[in-house]
PDB file of N, CA and C in Angstrom:
ATOM      1  N   UNK A   1     123.899  18.491 142.085  1.00  0.00           N
ATOM      2  CA  UNK A   1     123.683  20.059 142.987  1.00  0.00           C
ATOM      3  C   UNK A   1     122.874  21.131 141.464  1.00  0.00           C
ATOM      4  N   UNK A   2     122.674  22.033 141.450  1.00  0.00           N
ATOM      5  CA  UNK A   2     122.219  23.320 140.813  1.00  0.00           C
ATOM      6  C   UNK A   2     123.670  24.106 140.203  1.00  0.00           C
ATOM      7  N   UNK A   3     123.312  24.226 139.041  1.00  0.00           N
ATOM      8  CA  UNK A   3     124.007  25.000 138.752  1.00  0.00           C
ATOM      9  C   UNK A   3     124.147  26.808 138.566  1.00  0.00           C
ATOM     10  N   UNK A   4     125.163  27.253 138.930  1.00  0.00           N
ATOM     11  CA  UNK A   4     125.072  29.115 138.684  1.00  0.00           C
ATOM     12  C   UNK A   4     124.375  29.394 137.493  1.00  0.00           C
ATOM     13  N   UNK A   5     123.933  30.260 137.510  1.00  0.00           N
ATOM     14  CA  UNK A   5     122.512  31.055 136.468  1.00  0.00           C
ATOM     15  C   UNK A   5     123.661  32.345 136.631  1.00  0.00           C
ATOM     16  N   UNK A   6     124.698  32.581 134.714  1.00  0.00           N
ATOM     17  CA  UNK A   6     125.491  33.438 135.226  1.00  0.00           C
ATOM     18  C   UNK A   6     124.913  34.755 134.186  1.00  0.00           C
ATOM     19  N   UNK A   7     124.546  35.940 134.651  1.00  0.00           N
ATOM     20  CA  UNK A   7     124.167  36.998 133.931  1.00  0.00           C
ATOM     21  C   UNK A   7     124.887  37.621 132.669  1.00  0.00           C
ATOM     22  N   UNK A   8     124.430  37.450 131.943  1.00  0.00           N
ATOM     23  CA  UNK A   8     124.258  38.194 130.420  1.00  0.00           C
ATOM     24  C   UNK A   8     125.650  38.638 130.835  1.00  0.00           C
ATOM     25  N   UNK A   9     125.922  39.379 130.305  1.00  0.00           N
ATOM     26  CA  UNK A   9     127.238  40.418 129.221  1.00  0.00           C
ATOM     27  C   UNK A   9     126.033  41.204 128.460  1.00  0.00           C
ATOM     28  N   UNK A  10     126.956  42.333 128.582  1.00  0.00           N
ATOM     29  CA  UNK A  10     125.807  44.189 127.709  1.00  0.00           C
ATOM     30  C   UNK A  10     125.730  43.170 126.749  1.00  0.00           C
ATOM     31  N   UNK A  11     124.176  43.532 125.937  1.00  0.00           N
ATOM     32  CA  UNK A  11     124.175  42.549 124.895  1.00  0.00           C
ATOM     33  C   UNK A  11     123.999  41.146 124.019  1.00  0.00           C
ATOM     34  N   UNK A  12     124.774  40.390 125.581  1.00  0.00           N
ATOM     35  CA  UNK A  12     124.896  38.810 125.317  1.00  0.00           C
ATOM     36  C   UNK A  12     123.218  37.905 125.347  1.00  0.00           C
ATOM     37  N   UNK A  13     123.636  37.659 124.411  1.00  0.00           N
ATOM     38  CA  UNK A  13     122.076  37.024 125.228  1.00  0.00           C
ATOM     39  C   UNK A  13     120.634  37.022 124.343  1.00  0.00           C
ATOM     40  N   UNK A  14     120.950  38.339 123.548  1.00  0.00           N
ATOM     41  CA  UNK A  14     119.977  38.395 122.672  1.00  0.00           C
ATOM     42  C   UNK A  14     120.539  37.966 120.870  1.00  0.00           C
ATOM     43  N   UNK A  15     119.096  38.294 120.980  1.00  0.00           N
ATOM     44  CA  UNK A  15     119.054  37.445 118.985  1.00  0.00           C
ATOM     45  C   UNK A  15     119.511  38.544 118.492  1.00  0.00           C
ATOM     46  N   UNK A  16     119.954  38.990 117.347  1.00  0.00           N
ATOM     47  CA  UNK A  16     120.245  39.874 116.739  1.00  0.00           C
ATOM     48  C   UNK A  16     118.983  40.600 116.324  1.00  0.00           C
ATOM     49  N   UNK A  17     117.530  39.644 115.950  1.00  0.00           N
ATOM     50  CA  UNK A  17     116.157  40.166 115.641  1.00  0.00           C
ATOM     51  C   UNK A  17     115.645  41.052 117.248  1.00  0.00           C
ATOM     52  N   UNK A  18     116.375  40.525 118.031  1.00  0.00           N
ATOM     53  CA  UNK A  18     115.667  41.194 119.529  1.00  0.00           C
ATOM     54  C   UNK A  18     116.570  42.893 119.392  1.00  0.00           C
ATOM     55  N   UNK A  19     118.030  42.942 119.562  1.00  0.00           N
ATOM     56  CA  UNK A  19     118.553  44.004 119.448  1.00  0.00           C
ATOM     57  C   UNK A  19     117.741  44.848 118.304  1.00  0.00           C
ATOM     58  N   UNK A  20     117.036  44.478 117.059  1.00  0.00           N
ATOM     59  CA  UNK A  20     116.576  45.799 116.506  1.00  0.00           C
ATOM     60  C   UNK A  20     115.350  46.406 116.811  1.00  0.00           C
ATOM     61  N   UNK A  21     114.644  44.964 117.960  1.00  0.00           N
ATOM     62  CA  UNK A  21     113.537  45.407 118.003  1.00  0.00           C
ATOM     63  C   UNK A  21     113.411  46.598 119.109  1.00  0.00           C
ATOM     64  N   UNK A  22     114.717  46.205 119.914  1.00  0.00           N
ATOM     65  CA  UNK A  22     115.249  46.930 121.551  1.00  0.00           C
ATOM     66  C   UNK A  22     115.863  48.936 120.809  1.00  0.00           C
ATOM     67  N   UNK A  23     116.094  48.935 119.918  1.00  0.00           N
ATOM     68  CA  UNK A  23     116.661  49.470 119.048  1.00  0.00           C
ATOM     69  C   UNK A  23     114.841  50.256 118.596  1.00  0.00           C
ATOM     70  N   UNK A  24     114.456  49.536 117.736  1.00  0.00           N
ATOM     71  CA  UNK A  24     113.112  50.286 116.708  1.00  0.00           C
ATOM     72  C   UNK A  24     112.172  51.229 117.957  1.00  0.00           C
ATOM     73  N   UNK A  25     112.574  50.279 119.124  1.00  0.00           N
ATOM     74  CA  UNK A  25     111.370  51.069 119.856  1.00  0.00           C
ATOM     75  C   UNK A  25     112.004  52.088 120.938  1.00  0.00           C
ATOM     76  N   UNK A  26     113.063  52.298 120.859  1.00  0.00           N
ATOM     77  CA  UNK A  26     114.097  53.105 121.317  1.00  0.00           C
ATOM     78  C   UNK A  26     113.641  54.684 120.624  1.00  0.00           C
ATOM     79  N   UNK A  27     113.787  54.124 119.158  1.00  0.00           N
ATOM     80  CA  UNK A  27     113.410  55.131 118.176  1.00  0.00           C
ATOM     81  C   UNK A  27     112.063  55.833 118.181  1.00  0.00           C
ATOM     82  N   UNK A  28     111.259  54.698 118.185  1.00  0.00           N
ATOM     83  CA  UNK A  28     109.603  55.448 118.208  1.00  0.00           C
ATOM     84  C   UNK A  28     109.764  56.264 119.570  1.00  0.00           C
ATOM     85  N   UNK A  29     110.216  55.979 120.453  1.00  0.00           N
ATOM     86  CA  UNK A  29     109.467  56.723 121.678  1.00  0.00           C
ATOM     87  C   UNK A  29     110.881  58.075 121.408  1.00  0.00           C
ATOM     88  N   UNK A  30     111.849  57.975 121.239  1.00  0.00           N
ATOM     89  CA  UNK A  30     111.900  59.198 120.966  1.00  0.00           C
ATOM     90  C   UNK A  30     111.948  59.559 119.984  1.00  0.00           C
ATOM     91  N   UNK A  31     110.916  59.891 119.049  1.00  0.00           N
ATOM     92  CA  UNK A  31     110.349  60.437 117.820  1.00  0.00           C
ATOM     93  C   UNK A  31     109.487  60.922 118.556  1.00  0.00           C
ATOM     94  N   UNK A  32     108.193  60.123 118.778  1.00  0.00           N
ATOM     95  CA  UNK A  32     107.134  60.659 119.010  1.00  0.00           C
ATOM     96  C   UNK A  32     106.877  60.909 120.222  1.00  0.00           C
ATOM     97  N   UNK A  33     108.659  61.569 120.959  1.00  0.00           N
ATOM     98  CA  UNK A  33     108.344  62.315 121.827  1.00  0.00           C
ATOM     99  C   UNK A  33     107.574  62.015 123.649  1.00  0.00           C
ATOM    100  N   UNK A  34     107.822  60.564 123.391  1.00  0.00           N
ATOM    101  CA  UNK A  34     107.039  59.450 124.406  1.00  0.00           C
ATOM    102  C   UNK A  34     108.161  59.449 125.888  1.00  0.00           C
ATOM    103  N   UNK A  35     108.619  59.910 125.709  1.00  0.00           N
ATOM    104  CA  UNK A  35     109.798  60.429 127.054  1.00  0.00           C
ATOM    105  C   UNK A  35     108.996  61.384 127.734  1.00  0.00           C
ATOM    106  N   UNK A  36     109.132  62.986 126.817  1.00  0.00           N
ATOM    107  CA  UNK A  36     108.981  64.276 127.428  1.00  0.00           C
ATOM    108  C   UNK A  36     107.319  63.165 127.842  1.00  0.00           C
ATOM    109  N   UNK A  37     106.820  63.384 126.898  1.00  0.00           N
ATOM    110  CA  UNK A  37     105.181  63.029 128.140  1.00  0.00           C
ATOM    111  C   UNK A  37     104.762  62.613 129.245  1.00  0.00           C
ATOM    112  N   UNK A  38     105.598  61.301 129.253  1.00  0.00           N
ATOM    113  CA  UNK A  38     105.786  60.738 130.397  1.00  0.00           C
ATOM    114  C   UNK A  38     106.360  61.558 131.966  1.00  0.00           C
ATOM    115  N   UNK A  39     107.149  62.713 131.579  1.00  0.00           N
ATOM    116  CA  UNK A  39     108.012  63.127 132.226  1.00  0.00           C
ATOM    117  C   UNK A  39     106.354  64.540 132.464  1.00  0.00           C
ATOM    118  N   UNK A  40     106.291  64.871 131.568  1.00  0.00           N
ATOM    119  CA  UNK A  40     105.470  65.987 131.671  1.00  0.00           C
ATOM    120  C   UNK A  40     103.500  65.264 132.801  1.00  0.00           C
ATOM    121  N   UNK A  41     103.898  64.168 132.654  1.00  0.00           N
ATOM    122  CA  UNK A  41     102.685  63.476 133.188  1.00  0.00           C
ATOM    123  C   UNK A  41     102.852  63.931 134.668  1.00  0.00           C
ATOM    124  N   UNK A  42     104.221  63.138 135.116  1.00  0.00           N
ATOM    125  CA  UNK A  42     104.468  62.948 136.391  1.00  0.00           C
ATOM    126  C   UNK A  42     104.633  64.537 137.413  1.00  0.00           C
ATOM    127  N   UNK A  43     105.377  64.948 136.111  1.00  0.00           N
ATOM    128  CA  UNK A  43     105.561  66.654 136.632  1.00  0.00           C
ATOM    129  C   UNK A  43     103.625  67.680 136.799  1.00  0.00           C
ATOM    130  N   UNK A  44     102.677  67.299 135.928  1.00  0.00           N
ATOM    131  CA  UNK A  44     101.684  67.570 136.016  1.00  0.00           C
ATOM    132  C   UNK A  44     100.974  66.788 137.289  1.00  0.00           C
ATOM    133  N   UNK A  45     101.860  65.639 137.777  1.00  0.00           N
ATOM    134  CA  UNK A  45     100.671  65.134 139.242  1.00  0.00           C
ATOM    135  C   UNK A  45     101.215  66.048 139.995  1.00  0.00           C
ATOM    136  N   UNK A  46     102.440  66.387 140.213  1.00  0.00           N
ATOM    137  CA  UNK A  46     102.730  67.032 140.892  1.00  0.00           C
ATOM    138  C   UNK A  46     103.186  68.400 141.677  1.00  0.00           C
ATOM    139  N   UNK A  47     102.435  69.025 140.657  1.00  0.00           N
ATOM    140  CA  UNK A  47     101.304  70.270 140.179  1.00  0.00           C
ATOM    141  C   UNK A  47     100.033  70.308 140.660  1.00  0.00           C
ATOM    142  N   UNK A  48      99.822  69.187 140.499  1.00  0.00           N
ATOM    143  CA  UNK A  48      98.190  69.070 141.459  1.00  0.00           C
ATOM    144  C   UNK A  48      98.676  69.049 142.197  1.00  0.00           C
ATOM    145  N   UNK A  49      98.936  68.034 143.406  1.00  0.00           N
ATOM    146  CA  UNK A  49      98.835  68.058 145.049  1.00  0.00           C
ATOM    147  C   UNK A  49      99.533  69.409 144.447  1.00  0.00           C
ATOM    148  N   UNK A  50     100.612  70.071 144.569  1.00  0.00           N
ATOM    149  CA  UNK A  50     101.427  71.572 144.994  1.00  0.00           C
ATOM    150  C   UNK A  50      99.475  72.980 145.074  1.00  0.00           C
ATOM    151  N   UNK A  51      99.083  72.547 143.753  1.00  0.00           N
ATOM    152  CA  UNK A  51      98.105  73.608 143.920  1.00  0.00           C
ATOM    153  C   UNK A  51      97.192  73.263 144.589  1.00  0.00           C
ATOM    154  N   UNK A  52      96.591  71.338 144.561  1.00  0.00           N
ATOM    155  CA  UNK A  52      95.691  71.378 146.036  1.00  0.00           C
ATOM    156  C   UNK A  52      96.429  72.011 147.390  1.00  0.00           C
ATOM    157  N   UNK A  53      97.767  71.778 147.534  1.00  0.00           N
ATOM    158  CA  UNK A  53      97.556  72.516 148.864  1.00  0.00           C
ATOM    159  C   UNK A  53      98.018  73.773 148.753  1.00  0.00           C
ATOM    160  N   UNK A  54      97.749  74.929 147.918  1.00  0.00           N
ATOM    161  CA  UNK A  54      97.788  75.810 148.081  1.00  0.00           C
ATOM    162  C   UNK A  54      96.217  76.678 148.069  1.00  0.00           C
ATOM    163  N   UNK A  55      95.591  76.037 147.315  1.00  0.00           N
ATOM    164  CA  UNK A  55      94.329  76.100 147.626  1.00  0.00           C
ATOM    165  C   UNK A  55      93.221  76.107 149.187  1.00  0.00           C
ATOM    166  N   UNK A  56      93.961  74.269 149.417  1.00  0.00           N
ATOM    167  CA  UNK A  56      92.812  73.690 150.870  1.00  0.00           C
ATOM    168  C   UNK A  56      93.686  74.505 151.940  1.00  0.00           C
ATOM    169  N   UNK A  57      95.358  74.797 151.881  1.00  0.00           N
ATOM    170  CA  UNK A  57      95.466  75.815 152.959  1.00  0.00           C
ATOM    171  C   UNK A  57      95.939  76.835 152.883  1.00  0.00           C
ATOM    172  N   UNK A  58      96.417  77.434 152.395  1.00  0.00           N
ATOM    173  CA  UNK A  58      96.275  79.101 151.531  1.00  0.00           C
ATOM    174  C   UNK A  58      95.198  79.908 151.620  1.00  0.00           C
ATOM    175  N   UNK A  59      94.061  78.883 150.517  1.00  0.00           N
ATOM    176  CA  UNK A  59      93.077  80.153 149.681  1.00  0.00           C
ATOM    177  C   UNK A  59      91.973  79.799 150.635  1.00  0.00           C
ATOM    178  N   UNK A  60      91.649  78.574 151.139  1.00  0.00           N
ATOM    179  CA  UNK A  60      90.342  78.505 151.093  1.00  0.00           C
ATOM    180  C   UNK A  60      90.279  78.546 152.344  1.00  0.00           C
ATOM    181  N   UNK A  61      91.423  78.444 153.804  1.00  0.00           N
ATOM    182  CA  UNK A  61      91.347  79.355 155.125  1.00  0.00           C
ATOM    183  C   UNK A  61      90.356  80.940 155.149  1.00  0.00           C
ATOM    184  N   UNK A  62      91.248  81.396 154.221  1.00  0.00           N
ATOM    185  CA  UNK A  62      91.291  83.486 153.956  1.00  0.00           C
ATOM    186  C   UNK A  62      89.458  82.942 153.260  1.00  0.00           C
ATOM    187  N   UNK A  63      89.550  82.455 152.421  1.00  0.00           N
ATOM    188  CA  UNK A  63      88.481  82.387 152.731  1.00  0.00           C
ATOM    189  C   UNK A  63      86.762  82.408 153.012  1.00  0.00           C
ATOM    190  N   UNK A  64      87.136  80.937 153.911  1.00  0.00           N
ATOM    191  CA  UNK A  64      86.611  80.256 155.144  1.00  0.00           C
ATOM    192  C   UNK A  64      85.961  81.582 155.927  1.00  0.00           C
ATOM    193  N   UNK A  65      86.539  82.438 156.124  1.00  0.00           N
ATOM    194  CA  UNK A  65      87.158  83.395 157.422  1.00  0.00           C
ATOM    195  C   UNK A  65      86.711  83.918 156.527  1.00  0.00           C
ATOM    196  N   UNK A  66      85.920  84.950 155.363  1.00  0.00           N
ATOM    197  CA  UNK A  66      86.093  85.631 154.975  1.00  0.00           C
ATOM    198  C   UNK A  66      84.036  85.504 154.915  1.00  0.00           C
ATOM    199  N   UNK A  67      83.337  84.594 154.487  1.00  0.00           N
ATOM    200  CA  UNK A  67      82.341  84.267 154.309  1.00  0.00           C
ATOM    201  C   UNK A  67      81.588  83.614 156.017  1.00  0.00           C
ATOM    202  N   UNK A  68      80.618  84.247 155.855  1.00  0.00           N
ATOM    203  CA  UNK A  68      79.315  83.801 156.983  1.00  0.00           C
ATOM    204  C   UNK A  68      78.535  82.330 157.132  1.00  0.00           C
ATOM    205  N   UNK A  69      79.435  81.255 158.410  1.00  0.00           N
ATOM    206  CA  UNK A  69      79.069  80.112 158.108  1.00  0.00           C
ATOM    207  C   UNK A  69      80.030  79.477 157.991  1.00  0.00           C
ATOM    208  N   UNK A  70      80.935  79.578 157.724  1.00  0.00           N
ATOM    209  CA  UNK A  70      82.762  78.573 158.064  1.00  0.00           C
ATOM    210  C   UNK A  70      82.666  77.775 156.224  1.00  0.00           C
ATOM    211  N   UNK A  71      81.945  76.782 156.308  1.00  0.00           N
ATOM    212  CA  UNK A  71      82.822  76.045 155.042  1.00  0.00           C
ATOM    213  C   UNK A  71      81.894  76.390 154.519  1.00  0.00           C
ATOM    214  N   UNK A  72      82.082  77.449 153.035  1.00  0.00           N
ATOM    215  CA  UNK A  72      80.967  77.051 151.656  1.00  0.00           C
ATOM    216  C   UNK A  72      81.501  76.557 151.187  1.00  0.00           C
ATOM    217  N   UNK A  73      81.825  75.339 151.258  1.00  0.00           N
ATOM    218  CA  UNK A  73      82.164  74.150 150.107  1.00  0.00           C
ATOM    219  C   UNK A  73      81.195  73.878 150.549  1.00  0.00           C
ATOM    220  N   UNK A  74      80.068  73.095 151.512  1.00  0.00           N
ATOM    221  CA  UNK A  74      79.195  72.077 151.330  1.00  0.00           C
ATOM    222  C   UNK A  74      77.835  73.245 150.617  1.00  0.00           C
ATOM    223  N   UNK A  75      77.570  74.289 150.639  1.00  0.00           N
ATOM    224  CA  UNK A  75      76.180  74.898 151.053  1.00  0.00           C
ATOM    225  C   UNK A  75      75.988  74.577 149.461  1.00  0.00           C
ATOM    226  N   UNK A  76      73.959  74.099 149.319  1.00  0.00           N
ATOM    227  CA  UNK A  76      73.604  73.882 149.259  1.00  0.00           C
ATOM    228  C   UNK A  76      72.826  74.734 148.844  1.00  0.00           C
ATOM    229  N   UNK A  77      71.842  74.582 147.367  1.00  0.00           N
ATOM    230  CA  UNK A  77      70.873  75.313 147.461  1.00  0.00           C
ATOM    231  C   UNK A  77      69.341  74.302 146.765  1.00  0.00           C
ATOM    232  N   UNK A  78      68.002  74.918 147.421  1.00  0.00           N
ATOM    233  CA  UNK A  78      67.180  74.339 147.865  1.00  0.00           C
ATOM    234  C   UNK A  78      66.209  74.838 146.295  1.00  0.00           C
ATOM    235  N   UNK A  79      66.224  73.575 145.214  1.00  0.00           N
ATOM    236  CA  UNK A  79      64.808  74.386 144.404  1.00  0.00           C
ATOM    237  C   UNK A  79      63.826  73.341 144.712  1.00  0.00           C
ATOM    238  N   UNK A  80      62.683  73.073 145.297  1.00  0.00           N
ATOM    239  CA  UNK A  80      61.353  72.232 145.153  1.00  0.00           C
ATOM    240  C   UNK A  80      62.574  70.638 145.812  1.00  0.00           C
ATOM    241  N   UNK A  81      61.995  69.760 145.234  1.00  0.00           N
ATOM    242  CA  UNK A  81      63.278  69.068 146.186  1.00  0.00           C
ATOM    243  C   UNK A  81      64.739  69.039 144.937  1.00  0.00           C
ATOM    244  N   UNK A  82      65.333  69.683 144.424  1.00  0.00           N
ATOM    245  CA  UNK A  82      66.292  69.009 143.855  1.00  0.00           C
ATOM    246  C   UNK A  82      66.932  69.425 144.857  1.00  0.00           C
ATOM    247  N   UNK A  83      68.915  69.404 145.037  1.00  0.00           N
ATOM    248  CA  UNK A  83      69.565  70.103 146.092  1.00  0.00           C
ATOM    249  C   UNK A  83      70.942  69.968 145.497  1.00  0.00           C
ATOM    250  N   UNK A  84      70.972  71.067 144.934  1.00  0.00           N
ATOM    251  CA  UNK A  84      72.071  71.770 144.124  1.00  0.00           C
ATOM    252  C   UNK A  84      73.417  71.707 144.990  1.00  0.00           C
ATOM    253  N   UNK A  85      74.455  71.516 144.397  1.00  0.00           N
ATOM    254  CA  UNK A  85      75.670  71.825 145.346  1.00  0.00           C
ATOM    255  C   UNK A  85      76.118  72.482 144.891  1.00  0.00           C
ATOM    256  N   UNK A  86      76.052  74.350 144.974  1.00  0.00           N
ATOM    257  CA  UNK A  86      76.404  75.213 144.532  1.00  0.00           C
ATOM    258  C   UNK A  86      77.435  75.632 145.059  1.00  0.00           C
ATOM    259  N   UNK A  87      78.216  75.142 146.994  1.00  0.00           N
ATOM    260  CA  UNK A  87      79.653  75.296 147.091  1.00  0.00           C
ATOM    261  C   UNK A  87      80.283  74.547 146.331  1.00  0.00           C
ATOM    262  N   UNK A  88      80.146  73.155 146.381  1.00  0.00           N
ATOM    263  CA  UNK A  88      80.905  72.165 145.737  1.00  0.00           C
ATOM    264  C   UNK A  88      81.433  73.039 144.136  1.00  0.00           C
ATOM    265  N   UNK A  89      80.555  72.958 143.174  1.00  0.00           N
ATOM    266  CA  UNK A  89      80.842  73.264 141.911  1.00  0.00           C
ATOM    267  C   UNK A  89      82.145  75.075 142.245  1.00  0.00           C
ATOM    268  N   UNK A  90      81.400  75.637 142.787  1.00  0.00           N
ATOM    269  CA  UNK A  90      82.034  76.934 142.643  1.00  0.00           C
ATOM    270  C   UNK A  90      83.760  76.811 143.463  1.00  0.00           C
ATOM    271  N   UNK A  91      83.661  75.863 144.756  1.00  0.00           N
ATOM    272  CA  UNK A  91      84.777  75.205 145.067  1.00  0.00           C
ATOM    273  C   UNK A  91      85.667  74.594 143.767  1.00  0.00           C
ATOM    274  N   UNK A  92      85.108  73.563 142.803  1.00  0.00           N
ATOM    275  CA  UNK A  92      85.666  73.141 141.518  1.00  0.00           C
ATOM    276  C   UNK A  92      86.465  74.332 140.497  1.00  0.00           C
ATOM    277  N   UNK A  93      85.195  75.174 140.738  1.00  0.00           N
ATOM    278  CA  UNK A  93      85.548  76.237 139.356  1.00  0.00           C
ATOM    279  C   UNK A  93      87.239  77.076 140.238  1.00  0.00           C
ATOM    280  N   UNK A  94      86.675  77.383 140.895  1.00  0.00           N
ATOM    281  CA  UNK A  94      87.836  77.755 141.871  1.00  0.00           C
ATOM    282  C   UNK A  94      89.204  76.899 141.766  1.00  0.00           C
ATOM    283  N   UNK A  95      89.231  76.171 142.033  1.00  0.00           N
ATOM    284  CA  UNK A  95      90.563  75.027 141.669  1.00  0.00           C
ATOM    285  C   UNK A  95      90.775  75.741 140.644  1.00  0.00           C
ATOM    286  N   UNK A  96      89.625  75.203 139.551  1.00  0.00           N
ATOM    287  CA  UNK A  96      90.140  74.870 138.220  1.00  0.00           C
ATOM    288  C   UNK A  96      91.357  76.121 137.311  1.00  0.00           C
ATOM    289  N   UNK A  97      90.230  77.513 138.140  1.00  0.00           N
ATOM    290  CA  UNK A  97      90.566  78.628 137.849  1.00  0.00           C
ATOM    291  C   UNK A  97      92.651  78.809 138.565  1.00  0.00           C
ATOM    292  N   UNK A  98      92.570  78.680 139.901  1.00  0.00           N
ATOM    293  CA  UNK A  98      93.756  78.563 140.220  1.00  0.00           C
ATOM    294  C   UNK A  98      95.031  77.089 139.041  1.00  0.00           C
ATOM    295  N   UNK A  99      94.452  76.080 139.324  1.00  0.00           N
ATOM    296  CA  UNK A  99      95.277  75.087 138.541  1.00  0.00           C
ATOM    297  C   UNK A  99      95.935  75.710 137.209  1.00  0.00           C
ATOM    298  N   UNK A 100      94.952  76.473 136.467  1.00  0.00           N
ATOM    299  CA  UNK A 100      95.073  77.462 135.025  1.00  0.00           C
ATOM    300  C   UNK A 100      95.772  78.037 134.736  1.00  0.00           C
ATOM    301  N   UNK A 101      95.473  79.691 136.359  1.00  0.00           N
ATOM    302  CA  UNK A 101      97.158  80.453 136.018  1.00  0.00           C
ATOM    303  C   UNK A 101      98.294  79.874 136.831  1.00  0.00           C
ATOM    304  N   UNK A 102      98.379  78.193 137.578  1.00  0.00           N
ATOM    305  CA  UNK A 102      99.369  78.600 137.530  1.00  0.00           C
ATOM    306  C   UNK A 102      99.993  77.681 136.598  1.00  0.00           C
ATOM    307  N   UNK A 103      99.385  76.359 135.286  1.00  0.00           N
ATOM    308  CA  UNK A 103      99.897  75.961 134.849  1.00  0.00           C
ATOM    309  C   UNK A 103     100.461  77.099 133.285  1.00  0.00           C
ATOM    310  N   UNK A 104      99.749  78.250 133.458  1.00  0.00           N
ATOM    311  CA  UNK A 104      99.792  79.024 132.701  1.00  0.00           C
ATOM    312  C   UNK A 104     101.392  79.591 132.644  1.00  0.00           C
ATOM    313  N   UNK A 105     101.465  80.040 134.370  1.00  0.00           N
ATOM    314  CA  UNK A 105     102.668  81.141 134.713  1.00  0.00           C
ATOM    315  C   UNK A 105     104.097  80.120 134.949  1.00  0.00           C
ATOM    316  N   UNK A 106     104.134  78.417 134.855  1.00  0.00           N
ATOM    317  CA  UNK A 106     104.914  77.986 134.602  1.00  0.00           C
ATOM    318  C   UNK A 106     105.370  77.227 133.070  1.00  0.00           C
ATOM    319  N   UNK A 107     104.223  77.622 133.028  1.00  0.00           N
ATOM    320  CA  UNK A 107     104.375  77.372 130.540  1.00  0.00           C
ATOM    321  C   UNK A 107     105.635  78.889 130.749  1.00  0.00           C
ATOM    322  N   UNK A 108     104.956  80.114 130.748  1.00  0.00           N
ATOM    323  CA  UNK A 108     105.433  81.287 130.366  1.00  0.00           C
ATOM    324  C   UNK A 108     106.637  82.196 130.664  1.00  0.00           C
ATOM    325  N   UNK A 109     106.973  80.501 131.464  1.00  0.00           N
ATOM    326  CA  UNK A 109     108.220  80.650 132.464  1.00  0.00           C
ATOM    327  C   UNK A 109     109.471  79.846 131.675  1.00  0.00           C
ATOM    328  N   UNK A 110     109.070  78.905 131.372  1.00  0.00           N
ATOM    329  CA  UNK A 110     109.637  77.584 130.506  1.00  0.00           C
ATOM    330  C   UNK A 110     109.918  77.937 129.195  1.00  0.00           C
ATOM    331  N   UNK A 111     108.937  78.627 128.382  1.00  0.00           N
ATOM    332  CA  UNK A 111     108.692  77.588 127.032  1.00  0.00           C
ATOM    333  C   UNK A 111     108.755  79.660 126.597  1.00  0.00           C
ATOM    334  N   UNK A 112     109.296  80.099 126.233  1.00  0.00           N
ATOM    335  CA  UNK A 112     110.108  81.019 125.354  1.00  0.00           C
ATOM    336  C   UNK A 112     110.037  81.214 124.621  1.00  0.00           C
ATOM    337  N   UNK A 113     109.276  82.872 124.272  1.00  0.00           N
ATOM    338  CA  UNK A 113     109.046  82.299 122.006  1.00  0.00           C
ATOM    339  C   UNK A 113     109.924  83.053 121.806  1.00  0.00           C
ATOM    340  N   UNK A 114     111.201  82.341 120.560  1.00  0.00           N
ATOM    341  CA  UNK A 114     111.488  82.641 119.539  1.00  0.00           C
ATOM    342  C   UNK A 114     111.312  83.990 118.801  1.00  0.00           C
ATOM    343  N   UNK A 115     112.647  84.720 118.665  1.00  0.00           N
ATOM    344  CA  UNK A 115     112.208  86.319 117.270  1.00  0.00           C
ATOM    345  C   UNK A 115     111.850  85.467 116.325  1.00  0.00           C
ATOM    346  N   UNK A 116     111.634  86.486 115.834  1.00  0.00           N
ATOM    347  CA  UNK A 116     111.536  85.902 114.739  1.00  0.00           C
ATOM    348  C   UNK A 116     112.802  86.463 113.890  1.00  0.00           C
ATOM    349  N   UNK A 117     112.644  86.264 112.923  1.00  0.00           N
ATOM    350  CA  UNK A 117     114.575  85.901 112.076  1.00  0.00           C
ATOM    351  C   UNK A 117     114.620  87.045 111.446  1.00  0.00           C
ATOM    352  N   UNK A 118     115.484  88.092 111.563  1.00  0.00           N
ATOM    353  CA  UNK A 118     115.528  88.711 110.954  1.00  0.00           C
ATOM    354  C   UNK A 118     115.871  89.314 108.700  1.00  0.00           C
ATOM    355  N   UNK A 119     114.821  90.382 108.606  1.00  0.00           N
ATOM    356  CA  UNK A 119     114.604  89.964 107.272  1.00  0.00           C
ATOM    357  C   UNK A 119     115.563  91.042 106.710  1.00  0.00           C
TER     358      UNK A 119
END
């Protein structure tokens, strides 16, 4: 018959060196802002999806209705045997400008400059 394994209580089952290493790791994470960076990456991914939805579902249909031929992102320009994806490039520029604007507005809202100390 197999003996049941007991789940160790908090702090039990670790050697003192292991606890010290965990403490050092926690201090490293806090000192170097790794947790804040991880949160920023997750929020950045969510903002990217939001901006992509704004561009694809709100802005592009308006631009598509205003341009003759509809889907301007597929527009190409031929120079001899070379085809340049002009529409795709302009779409990427537009995406970048919108993302930059959204990030600017978020940072401007969340990060307020501290007033200069009075002399």
